[in-house]
Amino acid sequence: MSSIKSRPTVLLTNDDGPPDSKESPYIFGLYKHLTEHLGWDVRVVIPSSQKSWIGKAYQIKEITKGSYFYPTNSNGHGEISPVSRPLEENEVAEWILLDATPATCANIGIHNIYPNEIDLVISGPNLGRNSSSAFALSSGTVGAAMSSSLSKTRSVALSYGTVTHPTPTTYFEPAHVLGTKIIEYLWRTWGSDEFGLRKNEVDLYNVNIPLVDSLLDPEGLEIYWTTMWRTGYGRLFKELPPSVKSSDVDPAGPDSSTAPVEHAKTRSTEGNLVFKWSPAMEALIRPEYVEEGTDGWALRKGAVSVTPLRASFAEPVEGIHVFAKTEDRMWKVRL
């Protein structure tokens, strides 16, 4: 891996697609903060449409096609073009949209579109938290960061946890400010192993920021180093009558605290092989117990979780972020 640069060249991707007030409300704001507040060189390669809950999947049979997108200063909406062109008035940058999964976008961005240029990949900010193993192992946001780590590129997965619905827009800006500071701190303090062996280096960080009232307080949110809460899920789909073709899915994901809770039902005797996404996640959304020191524990406290990971779905344990007491987990640094 390359040595730490003060101003890295960043690949920004996500699993929510291009700016949209309902399904992808955060990426344009974070882009502005990374470029304008930090002065970082940010390239954007994102899915052309919503690709949540797809994990680290790659497209291996489909031909991946792309287009160029030109977000405007007002709200990030913009024109899509089949060919690259000069920026027009009020356009901020040229982004690339791929008809692809987040992991595919990350890999193509690193190796095909910007070869030998990317120092850091930022995936997100996701609409909805990606805390606990059940959600992280399914997340397209974390999947893109994991994909980048396997390409030996440092990466950060950033997610904004939906707590109230609709989320007040006043939370957006302080979340971007905090997220940008955390990412800048992680980049500035990232270790590097000799000869690129990566024995003790963190490959990626999974960061979850809850969108809560405390974001507006002068003191802000507490930030904790965490481990990943080991969780699981059961039934994710329910049976439908054959006549039903599709259904709406909450873009904030099933881990949203306001998502409807489905309860398992006995399968009908009609033998219909028609199912829709309808996860039963009462135990995950409103758990009776969360292990102290985990990402789920931090979010339950209304705090930020920062989880160091390796590109093997295993956490570094030797010599990195070892804490004797719970209070030692709280960040003592000034961002």
C-alpha atoms as a PDB file:
ATOM      1  CA  MET A   1       0.000   0.000   0.000  1.00  0.00           C
ATOM      2  CA  SER A   2       1.109   3.544  -0.678  1.00  0.00           C
ATOM      3  CA  SER A   3       2.350   5.871   2.047  1.00  0.00           C
ATOM      4  CA  ILE A   4      -0.150   8.273   3.583  1.00  0.00           C
ATOM      5  CA  LYS A   5      -0.707  11.438   1.551  1.00  0.00           C
ATOM      6  CA  SER A   6      -2.235  14.552   3.083  1.00  0.00           C
ATOM      7  CA  ARG A   7      -4.653  14.877   0.147  1.00  0.00           C
ATOM      8  CA  PRO A   8      -5.543  11.426  -1.182  1.00  0.00           C
ATOM      9  CA  THR A   9      -7.202  10.673  -4.474  1.00  0.00           C
ATOM     10  CA  VAL A  10     -10.535   9.205  -3.437  1.00  0.00           C
ATOM     11  CA  LEU A  11     -12.986   6.918  -5.179  1.00  0.00           C
ATOM     12  CA  LEU A  12     -16.498   7.580  -3.852  1.00  0.00           C
ATOM     13  CA  THR A  13     -19.121   4.918  -4.441  1.00  0.00           C
ATOM     14  CA  ASN A  14     -22.345   3.736  -2.794  1.00  0.00           C
ATOM     15  CA  ASP A  15     -25.195   1.253  -3.084  1.00  0.00           C
ATOM     16  CA  ASP A  16     -28.047   3.784  -3.193  1.00  0.00           C
ATOM     17  CA  GLY A  17     -27.307   5.174  -6.654  1.00  0.00           C
ATOM     18  CA  PRO A  18     -27.284   8.778  -7.921  1.00  0.00           C
ATOM     19  CA  PRO A  19     -28.651  11.660  -5.813  1.00  0.00           C
ATOM     20  CA  ASP A  20     -32.333  11.233  -5.019  1.00  0.00           C
ATOM     21  CA  SER A  21     -34.327  12.732  -2.147  1.00  0.00           C
ATOM     22  CA  LYS A  22     -35.916   9.382  -1.277  1.00  0.00           C
ATOM     23  CA  GLU A  23     -33.378   6.672  -2.059  1.00  0.00           C
ATOM     24  CA  SER A  24     -29.984   8.424  -2.138  1.00  0.00           C
ATOM     25  CA  PRO A  25     -30.134  11.688  -0.175  1.00  0.00           C
ATOM     26  CA  TYR A  26     -26.573  11.792   1.211  1.00  0.00           C
ATOM     27  CA  ILE A  27     -23.881  11.175  -1.411  1.00  0.00           C
ATOM     28  CA  PHE A  28     -23.908  14.641  -2.976  1.00  0.00           C
ATOM     29  CA  GLY A  29     -23.568  16.377   0.395  1.00  0.00           C
ATOM     30  CA  LEU A  30     -20.624  14.197   1.423  1.00  0.00           C
ATOM     31  CA  TYR A  31     -18.974  14.751  -1.966  1.00  0.00           C
ATOM     32  CA  LYS A  32     -19.181  18.513  -1.435  1.00  0.00           C
ATOM     33  CA  HIS A  33     -17.610  18.234   2.005  1.00  0.00           C
ATOM     34  CA  LEU A  34     -14.778  15.999   0.837  1.00  0.00           C
ATOM     35  CA  THR A  35     -13.928  18.268  -2.086  1.00  0.00           C
ATOM     36  CA  GLU A  36     -14.660  21.722  -0.651  1.00  0.00           C
ATOM     37  CA  HIS A  37     -13.820  21.326   3.056  1.00  0.00           C
ATOM     38  CA  LEU A  38     -10.929  18.854   2.803  1.00  0.00           C
ATOM     39  CA  GLY A  39      -9.805  19.762  -0.701  1.00  0.00           C
ATOM     40  CA  TRP A  40      -9.514  16.102  -1.662  1.00  0.00           C
ATOM     41  CA  ASP A  41      -9.547  14.889  -5.261  1.00  0.00           C
ATOM     42  CA  VAL A  42     -12.728  12.793  -5.416  1.00  0.00           C
ATOM     43  CA  ARG A  43     -13.776  10.593  -8.344  1.00  0.00           C
ATOM     44  CA  VAL A  44     -17.286   9.120  -8.280  1.00  0.00           C
ATOM     45  CA  VAL A  45     -18.307   5.745  -9.727  1.00  0.00           C
ATOM     46  CA  ILE A  46     -21.710   4.572  -8.486  1.00  0.00           C
ATOM     47  CA  PRO A  47     -24.518   2.224  -9.495  1.00  0.00           C
ATOM     48  CA  SER A  48     -27.027   3.768 -11.861  1.00  0.00           C
ATOM     49  CA  SER A  49     -29.876   2.622  -9.585  1.00  0.00           C
ATOM     50  CA  GLN A  50     -30.580   1.372  -6.048  1.00  0.00           C
ATOM     51  CA  LYS A  51     -28.497  -1.716  -5.219  1.00  0.00           C
ATOM     52  CA  SER A  52     -28.971  -2.201  -1.468  1.00  0.00           C
ATOM     53  CA  TRP A  53     -28.611  -5.582   0.238  1.00  0.00           C
ATOM     54  CA  ILE A  54     -26.543  -7.039  -2.554  1.00  0.00           C
ATOM     55  CA  GLY A  55     -23.376  -7.576  -0.509  1.00  0.00           C
ATOM     56  CA  LYS A  56     -20.064  -7.998  -2.346  1.00  0.00           C
ATOM     57  CA  ALA A  57     -21.639  -9.435  -5.490  1.00  0.00           C
ATOM     58  CA  TYR A  58     -19.964  -8.983  -8.868  1.00  0.00           C
ATOM     59  CA  GLN A  59     -21.547  -9.117 -12.301  1.00  0.00           C
ATOM     60  CA  ILE A  60     -19.858 -11.937 -14.185  1.00  0.00           C
ATOM     61  CA  LYS A  61     -22.303 -12.753 -16.992  1.00  0.00           C
ATOM     62  CA  GLU A  62     -23.725  -9.309 -17.733  1.00  0.00           C
ATOM     63  CA  ILE A  63     -21.911  -6.716 -19.837  1.00  0.00           C
ATOM     64  CA  THR A  64     -21.428  -3.708 -17.559  1.00  0.00           C
ATOM     65  CA  LYS A  65     -22.388  -0.498 -19.329  1.00  0.00           C
ATOM     66  CA  GLY A  66     -21.981   3.029 -18.085  1.00  0.00           C
ATOM     67  CA  SER A  67     -22.859   6.648 -18.662  1.00  0.00           C
ATOM     68  CA  TYR A  68     -21.728  10.061 -17.488  1.00  0.00           C
ATOM     69  CA  PHE A  69     -23.631  12.071 -14.895  1.00  0.00           C
ATOM     70  CA  TYR A  70     -23.339  15.797 -14.210  1.00  0.00           C
ATOM     71  CA  PRO A  71     -24.696  16.790 -10.774  1.00  0.00           C
ATOM     72  CA  THR A  72     -25.659  20.413 -10.265  1.00  0.00           C
ATOM     73  CA  ASN A  73     -25.039  22.625  -7.271  1.00  0.00           C
ATOM     74  CA  SER A  74     -28.666  22.964  -6.236  1.00  0.00           C
ATOM     75  CA  ASN A  75     -29.489  19.391  -5.179  1.00  0.00           C
ATOM     76  CA  GLY A  76     -27.133  17.024  -6.973  1.00  0.00           C
ATOM     77  CA  HIS A  77     -29.627  16.190  -9.695  1.00  0.00           C
ATOM     78  CA  GLY A  78     -28.264  16.435 -13.191  1.00  0.00           C
ATOM     79  CA  GLU A  79     -28.064  15.295 -16.775  1.00  0.00           C
ATOM     80  CA  ILE A  80     -26.994  11.840 -17.909  1.00  0.00           C
ATOM     81  CA  SER A  81     -24.937  11.618 -21.089  1.00  0.00           C
ATOM     82  CA  PRO A  82     -23.720   8.573 -23.045  1.00  0.00           C
ATOM     83  CA  VAL A  83     -20.433  10.364 -23.749  1.00  0.00           C
ATOM     84  CA  SER A  84     -18.088  12.536 -21.735  1.00  0.00           C
ATOM     85  CA  ARG A  85     -18.480  16.284 -22.317  1.00  0.00           C
ATOM     86  CA  PRO A  86     -17.288  19.586 -20.803  1.00  0.00           C
ATOM     87  CA  LEU A  87     -19.072  20.844 -17.694  1.00  0.00           C
ATOM     88  CA  GLU A  88     -21.899  23.284 -18.243  1.00  0.00           C
ATOM     89  CA  GLU A  89     -23.093  26.138 -16.037  1.00  0.00           C
ATOM     90  CA  ASN A  90     -23.836  25.129 -12.427  1.00  0.00           C
ATOM     91  CA  GLU A  91     -22.537  21.583 -12.931  1.00  0.00           C
ATOM     92  CA  VAL A  92     -20.154  20.459 -10.192  1.00  0.00           C
ATOM     93  CA  ALA A  93     -18.299  17.513 -11.688  1.00  0.00           C
ATOM     94  CA  GLU A  94     -18.459  14.528 -14.003  1.00  0.00           C
ATOM     95  CA  TRP A  95     -19.516  11.333 -12.270  1.00  0.00           C
ATOM     96  CA  ILE A  96     -19.769   7.863 -13.757  1.00  0.00           C
ATOM     97  CA  LEU A  97     -22.850   5.661 -13.459  1.00  0.00           C
ATOM     98  CA  LEU A  98     -22.532   1.927 -14.081  1.00  0.00           C
ATOM     99  CA  ASP A  99     -25.329  -0.581 -14.486  1.00  0.00           C
ATOM    100  CA  ALA A 100     -23.598  -2.637 -11.844  1.00  0.00           C
ATOM    101  CA  THR A 101     -23.330  -3.693  -8.222  1.00  0.00           C
ATOM    102  CA  PRO A 102     -21.416  -1.530  -5.721  1.00  0.00           C
ATOM    103  CA  ALA A 103     -18.514  -4.005  -5.573  1.00  0.00           C
ATOM    104  CA  THR A 104     -18.363  -4.014  -9.384  1.00  0.00           C
ATOM    105  CA  CYS A 105     -18.313  -0.190  -9.401  1.00  0.00           C
ATOM    106  CA  ALA A 106     -15.458  -0.137  -6.893  1.00  0.00           C
ATOM    107  CA  ASN A 107     -13.347  -2.670  -8.768  1.00  0.00           C
ATOM    108  CA  ILE A 108     -13.872  -1.070 -12.174  1.00  0.00           C
ATOM    109  CA  GLY A 109     -13.175   2.357 -10.692  1.00  0.00           C
ATOM    110  CA  ILE A 110      -9.882   1.210  -9.148  1.00  0.00           C
ATOM    111  CA  HIS A 111      -8.576  -0.950 -11.983  1.00  0.00           C
ATOM    112  CA  ASN A 112     -10.192   0.218 -15.214  1.00  0.00           C
ATOM    113  CA  ILE A 113     -11.283   3.853 -15.029  1.00  0.00           C
ATOM    114  CA  TYR A 114      -8.645   5.259 -12.650  1.00  0.00           C
ATOM    115  CA  PRO A 115      -5.827   2.667 -12.633  1.00  0.00           C
ATOM    116  CA  ASN A 116      -2.978   3.380 -10.202  1.00  0.00           C
ATOM    117  CA  GLU A 117      -4.650   6.603  -9.056  1.00  0.00           C
ATOM    118  CA  ILE A 118      -6.902   5.717  -6.124  1.00  0.00           C
ATOM    119  CA  ASP A 119      -5.534   5.965  -2.572  1.00  0.00           C
ATOM    120  CA  LEU A 120      -8.764   5.580  -0.617  1.00  0.00           C
ATOM    121  CA  VAL A 121     -12.262   4.286  -1.344  1.00  0.00           C
ATOM    122  CA  ILE A 122     -15.231   5.726   0.538  1.00  0.00           C
ATOM    123  CA  SER A 123     -18.471   3.797   0.205  1.00  0.00           C
ATOM    124  CA  GLY A 124     -21.615   5.651   1.243  1.00  0.00           C
ATOM    125  CA  PRO A 125     -23.089   7.399   3.041  1.00  0.00           C
ATOM    126  CA  ASN A 126     -25.674   4.651   3.151  1.00  0.00           C
ATOM    127  CA  LEU A 127     -29.321   5.415   3.821  1.00  0.00           C
ATOM    128  CA  GLY A 128     -29.687   3.342   6.993  1.00  0.00           C
ATOM    129  CA  ARG A 129     -27.151   1.865   9.370  1.00  0.00           C
ATOM    130  CA  ASN A 130     -24.940  -1.095   8.581  1.00  0.00           C
ATOM    131  CA  SER A 131     -24.211  -2.269  12.091  1.00  0.00           C
ATOM    132  CA  SER A 132     -23.933  -5.923  13.194  1.00  0.00           C
ATOM    133  CA  SER A 133     -22.818  -8.904  11.148  1.00  0.00           C
ATOM    134  CA  ALA A 134     -26.312  -9.641   9.829  1.00  0.00           C
ATOM    135  CA  PHE A 135     -26.537  -6.291   8.089  1.00  0.00           C
ATOM    136  CA  ALA A 136     -22.844  -5.739   7.283  1.00  0.00           C
ATOM    137  CA  LEU A 137     -22.490  -9.101   5.539  1.00  0.00           C
ATOM    138  CA  SER A 138     -25.508  -8.235   3.372  1.00  0.00           C
ATOM    139  CA  SER A 139     -24.688  -4.573   2.757  1.00  0.00           C
ATOM    140  CA  GLY A 140     -23.743  -3.299  -0.665  1.00  0.00           C
ATOM    141  CA  THR A 141     -22.059  -0.355   1.074  1.00  0.00           C
ATOM    142  CA  VAL A 142     -19.776  -2.597   3.124  1.00  0.00           C
ATOM    143  CA  GLY A 143     -19.441  -4.937   0.127  1.00  0.00           C
ATOM    144  CA  ALA A 144     -17.908  -2.183  -2.005  1.00  0.00           C
ATOM    145  CA  ALA A 145     -15.446  -1.332   0.770  1.00  0.00           C
ATOM    146  CA  MET A 146     -14.560  -5.010   1.176  1.00  0.00           C
ATOM    147  CA  SER A 147     -14.054  -5.312  -2.583  1.00  0.00           C
ATOM    148  CA  SER A 148     -11.663  -2.366  -2.495  1.00  0.00           C
ATOM    149  CA  SER A 149      -9.745  -3.844   0.425  1.00  0.00           C
ATOM    150  CA  LEU A 150      -9.223  -7.037  -1.560  1.00  0.00           C
ATOM    151  CA  SER A 151      -7.641  -4.806  -4.204  1.00  0.00           C
ATOM    152  CA  LYS A 152      -5.249  -3.607  -1.454  1.00  0.00           C
ATOM    153  CA  THR A 153      -6.866  -0.194  -1.365  1.00  0.00           C
ATOM    154  CA  ARG A 154      -7.790   1.309   1.982  1.00  0.00           C
ATOM    155  CA  SER A 155     -11.514   1.845   2.348  1.00  0.00           C
ATOM    156  CA  VAL A 156     -14.185   3.245   4.643  1.00  0.00           C
ATOM    157  CA  ALA A 157     -17.843   2.230   4.657  1.00  0.00           C
ATOM    158  CA  LEU A 158     -19.985   5.077   5.997  1.00  0.00           C
ATOM    159  CA  SER A 159     -23.639   4.686   6.969  1.00  0.00           C
ATOM    160  CA  TYR A 160     -26.195   7.058   8.471  1.00  0.00           C
ATOM    161  CA  GLY A 161     -28.574   5.221  10.772  1.00  0.00           C
ATOM    162  CA  THR A 162     -32.251   6.047  10.269  1.00  0.00           C
ATOM    163  CA  VAL A 163     -33.864   6.509  13.680  1.00  0.00           C
ATOM    164  CA  THR A 164     -36.855   8.734  12.910  1.00  0.00           C
ATOM    165  CA  HIS A 165     -38.863   8.761   9.717  1.00  0.00           C
ATOM    166  CA  PRO A 166     -38.871  11.013   7.849  1.00  0.00           C
ATOM    167  CA  THR A 167     -35.393  12.051   8.917  1.00  0.00           C
ATOM    168  CA  PRO A 168     -35.202  15.827   9.518  1.00  0.00           C
ATOM    169  CA  THR A 169     -33.058  17.447   6.837  1.00  0.00           C
ATOM    170  CA  THR A 170     -31.399  19.514   9.578  1.00  0.00           C
ATOM    171  CA  TYR A 171     -29.477  16.343  10.502  1.00  0.00           C
ATOM    172  CA  PHE A 172     -27.850  16.037   7.071  1.00  0.00           C
ATOM    173  CA  GLU A 173     -25.235  18.787   7.331  1.00  0.00           C
ATOM    174  CA  PRO A 174     -23.927  17.917  10.819  1.00  0.00           C
ATOM    175  CA  ALA A 175     -23.764  14.250   9.775  1.00  0.00           C
ATOM    176  CA  HIS A 176     -21.634  15.217   6.769  1.00  0.00           C
ATOM    177  CA  VAL A 177     -19.401  17.400   8.943  1.00  0.00           C
ATOM    178  CA  LEU A 178     -18.887  14.587  11.462  1.00  0.00           C
ATOM    179  CA  GLY A 179     -18.469  11.904   8.816  1.00  0.00           C
ATOM    180  CA  THR A 180     -15.867  13.973   6.976  1.00  0.00           C
ATOM    181  CA  LYS A 181     -13.894  14.586  10.192  1.00  0.00           C
ATOM    182  CA  ILE A 182     -13.930  10.895  11.085  1.00  0.00           C
ATOM    183  CA  ILE A 183     -12.789   9.853   7.599  1.00  0.00           C
ATOM    184  CA  GLU A 184     -10.024  12.468   7.588  1.00  0.00           C
ATOM    185  CA  TYR A 185      -8.832  11.297  11.009  1.00  0.00           C
ATOM    186  CA  LEU A 186      -8.848   7.628   9.982  1.00  0.00           C
ATOM    187  CA  TRP A 187      -6.917   8.426   6.813  1.00  0.00           C
ATOM    188  CA  ARG A 188      -4.365  10.574   8.648  1.00  0.00           C
ATOM    189  CA  THR A 189      -3.691   7.958  11.341  1.00  0.00           C
ATOM    190  CA  TRP A 190      -3.871   4.798   9.197  1.00  0.00           C
ATOM    191  CA  GLY A 191      -0.925   2.463   9.845  1.00  0.00           C
ATOM    192  CA  SER A 192       1.184   0.782   7.207  1.00  0.00           C
ATOM    193  CA  ASP A 193       2.966  -2.567   7.406  1.00  0.00           C
ATOM    194  CA  GLU A 194       6.488  -2.940   6.080  1.00  0.00           C
ATOM    195  CA  PHE A 195       6.733  -4.432   2.569  1.00  0.00           C
ATOM    196  CA  GLY A 196       2.926  -4.327   2.216  1.00  0.00           C
ATOM    197  CA  LEU A 197       2.461  -7.562   4.174  1.00  0.00           C
ATOM    198  CA  ARG A 198      -0.664  -6.158   5.923  1.00  0.00           C
ATOM    199  CA  LYS A 199      -0.126  -8.387   8.969  1.00  0.00           C
ATOM    200  CA  ASN A 200      -1.475  -5.882  11.486  1.00  0.00           C
ATOM    201  CA  GLU A 201      -2.913  -3.140   9.314  1.00  0.00           C
ATOM    202  CA  VAL A 202      -6.609  -2.339   9.270  1.00  0.00           C
ATOM    203  CA  ASP A 203      -8.008  -3.021   5.800  1.00  0.00           C
ATOM    204  CA  LEU A 204     -11.256  -1.091   6.154  1.00  0.00           C
ATOM    205  CA  TYR A 205     -13.367   0.734   8.694  1.00  0.00           C
ATOM    206  CA  ASN A 206     -17.117   0.396   9.055  1.00  0.00           C
ATOM    207  CA  VAL A 207     -18.522   3.686  10.409  1.00  0.00           C
ATOM    208  CA  ASN A 208     -22.121   4.152  11.548  1.00  0.00           C
ATOM    209  CA  ILE A 209     -23.508   7.586  12.463  1.00  0.00           C
ATOM    210  CA  PRO A 210     -27.021   7.630  13.971  1.00  0.00           C
ATOM    211  CA  LEU A 211     -29.204  10.490  12.774  1.00  0.00           C
ATOM    212  CA  VAL A 212     -30.454  11.710  16.153  1.00  0.00           C
ATOM    213  CA  ASP A 213     -31.132  15.030  17.898  1.00  0.00           C
ATOM    214  CA  SER A 214     -27.698  15.008  19.552  1.00  0.00           C
ATOM    215  CA  LEU A 215     -26.134  15.765  16.170  1.00  0.00           C
ATOM    216  CA  LEU A 216     -27.419  19.309  16.660  1.00  0.00           C
ATOM    217  CA  ASP A 217     -25.908  19.712  20.142  1.00  0.00           C
ATOM    218  CA  PRO A 218     -22.667  21.702  20.517  1.00  0.00           C
ATOM    219  CA  GLU A 219     -21.021  18.651  22.110  1.00  0.00           C
ATOM    220  CA  GLY A 220     -22.079  16.416  19.230  1.00  0.00           C
ATOM    221  CA  LEU A 221     -22.134  12.626  19.382  1.00  0.00           C
ATOM    222  CA  GLU A 222     -19.854  10.331  21.319  1.00  0.00           C
ATOM    223  CA  ILE A 223     -17.612   8.153  19.141  1.00  0.00           C
ATOM    224  CA  TYR A 224     -16.546   4.631  20.111  1.00  0.00           C
ATOM    225  CA  TRP A 225     -14.109   2.098  18.736  1.00  0.00           C
ATOM    226  CA  THR A 226     -16.260  -1.015  18.441  1.00  0.00           C
ATOM    227  CA  THR A 227     -16.315  -4.619  17.396  1.00  0.00           C
ATOM    228  CA  MET A 228     -19.042  -6.047  15.201  1.00  0.00           C
ATOM    229  CA  TRP A 229     -22.134  -7.335  16.979  1.00  0.00           C
ATOM    230  CA  ARG A 230     -22.566 -11.009  16.013  1.00  0.00           C
ATOM    231  CA  THR A 231     -26.152 -11.378  14.870  1.00  0.00           C
ATOM    232  CA  GLY A 232     -28.250 -13.351  12.425  1.00  0.00           C
ATOM    233  CA  TYR A 233     -31.650 -13.364  10.815  1.00  0.00           C
ATOM    234  CA  GLY A 234     -34.331 -15.859   9.967  1.00  0.00           C
ATOM    235  CA  ARG A 235     -37.081 -15.526   7.391  1.00  0.00           C
ATOM    236  CA  LEU A 236     -36.407 -12.731   4.893  1.00  0.00           C
ATOM    237  CA  PHE A 237     -39.274 -13.345   2.439  1.00  0.00           C
ATOM    238  CA  LYS A 238     -42.956 -14.096   2.685  1.00  0.00           C
ATOM    239  CA  GLU A 239     -45.255 -15.919   0.323  1.00  0.00           C
ATOM    240  CA  LEU A 240     -47.592 -14.007  -1.979  1.00  0.00           C
ATOM    241  CA  PRO A 241     -50.517 -14.870  -4.208  1.00  0.00           C
ATOM    242  CA  PRO A 242     -49.310 -15.592  -7.770  1.00  0.00           C
ATOM    243  CA  SER A 243     -51.001 -12.427  -9.098  1.00  0.00           C
ATOM    244  CA  VAL A 244     -48.687 -10.097  -7.126  1.00  0.00           C
ATOM    245  CA  LYS A 245     -45.779  -8.910  -9.260  1.00  0.00           C
ATOM    246  CA  SER A 246     -43.769  -6.489  -7.099  1.00  0.00           C
ATOM    247  CA  SER A 247     -43.696  -4.602  -3.835  1.00  0.00           C
ATOM    248  CA  ASP A 248     -42.227  -1.455  -2.330  1.00  0.00           C
ATOM    249  CA  VAL A 249     -39.165  -1.700  -0.127  1.00  0.00           C
ATOM    250  CA  ASP A 250     -38.247   0.917   2.474  1.00  0.00           C
ATOM    251  CA  PRO A 251     -35.026   2.520   1.131  1.00  0.00           C
ATOM    252  CA  ALA A 252     -33.798   2.913   4.720  1.00  0.00           C
ATOM    253  CA  GLY A 253     -33.631  -0.876   4.908  1.00  0.00           C
ATOM    254  CA  PRO A 254     -35.057  -3.369   7.374  1.00  0.00           C
ATOM    255  CA  ASP A 255     -32.684  -2.167  10.103  1.00  0.00           C
ATOM    256  CA  SER A 256     -34.518   1.144  10.290  1.00  0.00           C
ATOM    257  CA  SER A 257     -36.131   1.507  13.689  1.00  0.00           C
ATOM    258  CA  THR A 258     -39.322   2.622  11.955  1.00  0.00           C
ATOM    259  CA  ALA A 259     -39.459  -0.255   9.469  1.00  0.00           C
ATOM    260  CA  PRO A 260     -42.572  -2.401   9.864  1.00  0.00           C
ATOM    261  CA  VAL A 261     -41.941  -5.600  11.757  1.00  0.00           C
ATOM    262  CA  GLU A 262     -43.155  -8.716   9.999  1.00  0.00           C
ATOM    263  CA  HIS A 263     -43.975 -11.877  11.894  1.00  0.00           C
ATOM    264  CA  ALA A 264     -43.537 -15.354  10.453  1.00  0.00           C
ATOM    265  CA  LYS A 265     -46.645 -16.954   9.022  1.00  0.00           C
ATOM    266  CA  THR A 266     -47.431 -20.541   8.231  1.00  0.00           C
ATOM    267  CA  ARG A 267     -47.037 -21.317   4.554  1.00  0.00           C
ATOM    268  CA  SER A 268     -50.298 -21.789   2.699  1.00  0.00           C
ATOM    269  CA  THR A 269     -51.339 -25.173   1.351  1.00  0.00           C
ATOM    270  CA  GLU A 270     -51.751 -23.846  -2.198  1.00  0.00           C
ATOM    271  CA  GLY A 271     -48.102 -24.388  -3.035  1.00  0.00           C
ATOM    272  CA  ASN A 272     -47.560 -20.932  -4.556  1.00  0.00           C
ATOM    273  CA  LEU A 273     -43.889 -20.287  -5.312  1.00  0.00           C
ATOM    274  CA  VAL A 274     -44.230 -16.501  -5.243  1.00  0.00           C
ATOM    275  CA  PHE A 275     -42.331 -14.565  -2.580  1.00  0.00           C
ATOM    276  CA  LYS A 276     -41.516 -10.956  -1.733  1.00  0.00           C
ATOM    277  CA  TRP A 277     -38.839  -9.323   0.402  1.00  0.00           C
ATOM    278  CA  SER A 278     -40.400  -8.946   3.833  1.00  0.00           C
ATOM    279  CA  PRO A 279     -37.826  -9.667   6.565  1.00  0.00           C
ATOM    280  CA  ALA A 280     -38.845 -10.620  10.098  1.00  0.00           C
ATOM    281  CA  MET A 281     -36.282  -8.745  12.182  1.00  0.00           C
ATOM    282  CA  GLU A 282     -37.906  -7.858  15.465  1.00  0.00           C
ATOM    283  CA  ALA A 283     -34.958  -9.238  17.450  1.00  0.00           C
ATOM    284  CA  LEU A 284     -32.470  -7.145  15.461  1.00  0.00           C
ATOM    285  CA  ILE A 285     -34.428  -3.901  15.280  1.00  0.00           C
ATOM    286  CA  ARG A 286     -35.502  -3.909  18.912  1.00  0.00           C
ATOM    287  CA  PRO A 287     -33.154  -6.329  20.712  1.00  0.00           C
ATOM    288  CA  GLU A 288     -33.502  -7.102  24.395  1.00  0.00           C
ATOM    289  CA  TYR A 289     -29.724  -7.297  24.798  1.00  0.00           C
ATOM    290  CA  VAL A 290     -26.769  -5.894  22.873  1.00  0.00           C
ATOM    291  CA  GLU A 291     -23.222  -6.854  23.718  1.00  0.00           C
ATOM    292  CA  GLU A 292     -21.227  -4.007  25.240  1.00  0.00           C
ATOM    293  CA  GLY A 293     -18.487  -2.624  23.032  1.00  0.00           C
ATOM    294  CA  THR A 294     -20.135  -3.643  19.766  1.00  0.00           C
ATOM    295  CA  ASP A 295     -21.403  -1.395  16.976  1.00  0.00           C
ATOM    296  CA  GLY A 296     -25.002  -2.231  17.867  1.00  0.00           C
ATOM    297  CA  TRP A 297     -24.304  -1.192  21.459  1.00  0.00           C
ATOM    298  CA  ALA A 298     -22.884   2.173  20.359  1.00  0.00           C
ATOM    299  CA  LEU A 299     -25.835   2.963  18.110  1.00  0.00           C
ATOM    300  CA  ARG A 300     -28.258   1.974  20.848  1.00  0.00           C
ATOM    301  CA  LYS A 301     -26.536   4.617  23.008  1.00  0.00           C
ATOM    302  CA  GLY A 302     -27.019   7.174  20.227  1.00  0.00           C
ATOM    303  CA  ALA A 303     -23.272   7.164  19.563  1.00  0.00           C
ATOM    304  CA  VAL A 304     -21.065   6.669  16.513  1.00  0.00           C
ATOM    305  CA  SER A 305     -19.465   3.263  15.970  1.00  0.00           C
ATOM    306  CA  VAL A 306     -16.088   2.900  14.254  1.00  0.00           C
ATOM    307  CA  THR A 307     -15.261  -0.762  13.601  1.00  0.00           C
ATOM    308  CA  PRO A 308     -11.820  -1.713  12.230  1.00  0.00           C
ATOM    309  CA  LEU A 309     -11.971  -4.762   9.959  1.00  0.00           C
ATOM    310  CA  ARG A 310      -9.860  -6.973   7.790  1.00  0.00           C
ATOM    311  CA  ALA A 311     -10.767  -8.075   4.265  1.00  0.00           C
ATOM    312  CA  SER A 312     -11.616 -11.515   5.539  1.00  0.00           C
ATOM    313  CA  PHE A 313     -14.675 -10.605   7.606  1.00  0.00           C
ATOM    314  CA  ALA A 314     -12.384 -10.911  10.616  1.00  0.00           C
ATOM    315  CA  GLU A 315     -11.347  -8.125  12.949  1.00  0.00           C
ATOM    316  CA  PRO A 316      -7.716  -7.314  13.759  1.00  0.00           C
ATOM    317  CA  VAL A 317      -7.008  -8.356  17.317  1.00  0.00           C
ATOM    318  CA  GLU A 318      -3.234  -8.252  17.806  1.00  0.00           C
ATOM    319  CA  GLY A 319      -1.965  -4.887  18.904  1.00  0.00           C
ATOM    320  CA  ILE A 320      -4.730  -2.784  17.354  1.00  0.00           C
ATOM    321  CA  HIS A 321      -7.364  -1.012  19.442  1.00  0.00           C
ATOM    322  CA  VAL A 322      -7.173  -3.207  22.550  1.00  0.00           C
ATOM    323  CA  PHE A 323      -9.076  -1.786  25.515  1.00  0.00           C
ATOM    324  CA  ALA A 324      -8.976  -2.799  29.148  1.00  0.00           C
ATOM    325  CA  LYS A 325     -11.967  -0.694  30.196  1.00  0.00           C
ATOM    326  CA  THR A 326     -15.181   0.446  28.503  1.00  0.00           C
ATOM    327  CA  GLU A 327     -14.326   4.131  28.960  1.00  0.00           C
ATOM    328  CA  ASP A 328     -11.076   3.592  27.050  1.00  0.00           C
ATOM    329  CA  ARG A 329     -13.139   2.990  23.916  1.00  0.00           C
ATOM    330  CA  MET A 330     -14.322   6.603  23.777  1.00  0.00           C
ATOM    331  CA  TRP A 331     -12.294   8.739  21.395  1.00  0.00           C
ATOM    332  CA  LYS A 332      -9.900  11.048  23.200  1.00  0.00           C
ATOM    333  CA  VAL A 333      -8.770  12.854  20.054  1.00  0.00           C
ATOM    334  CA  ARG A 334      -9.901  16.239  18.825  1.00  0.00           C
ATOM    335  CA  LEU A 335     -11.268  15.983  15.290  1.00  0.00           C
END
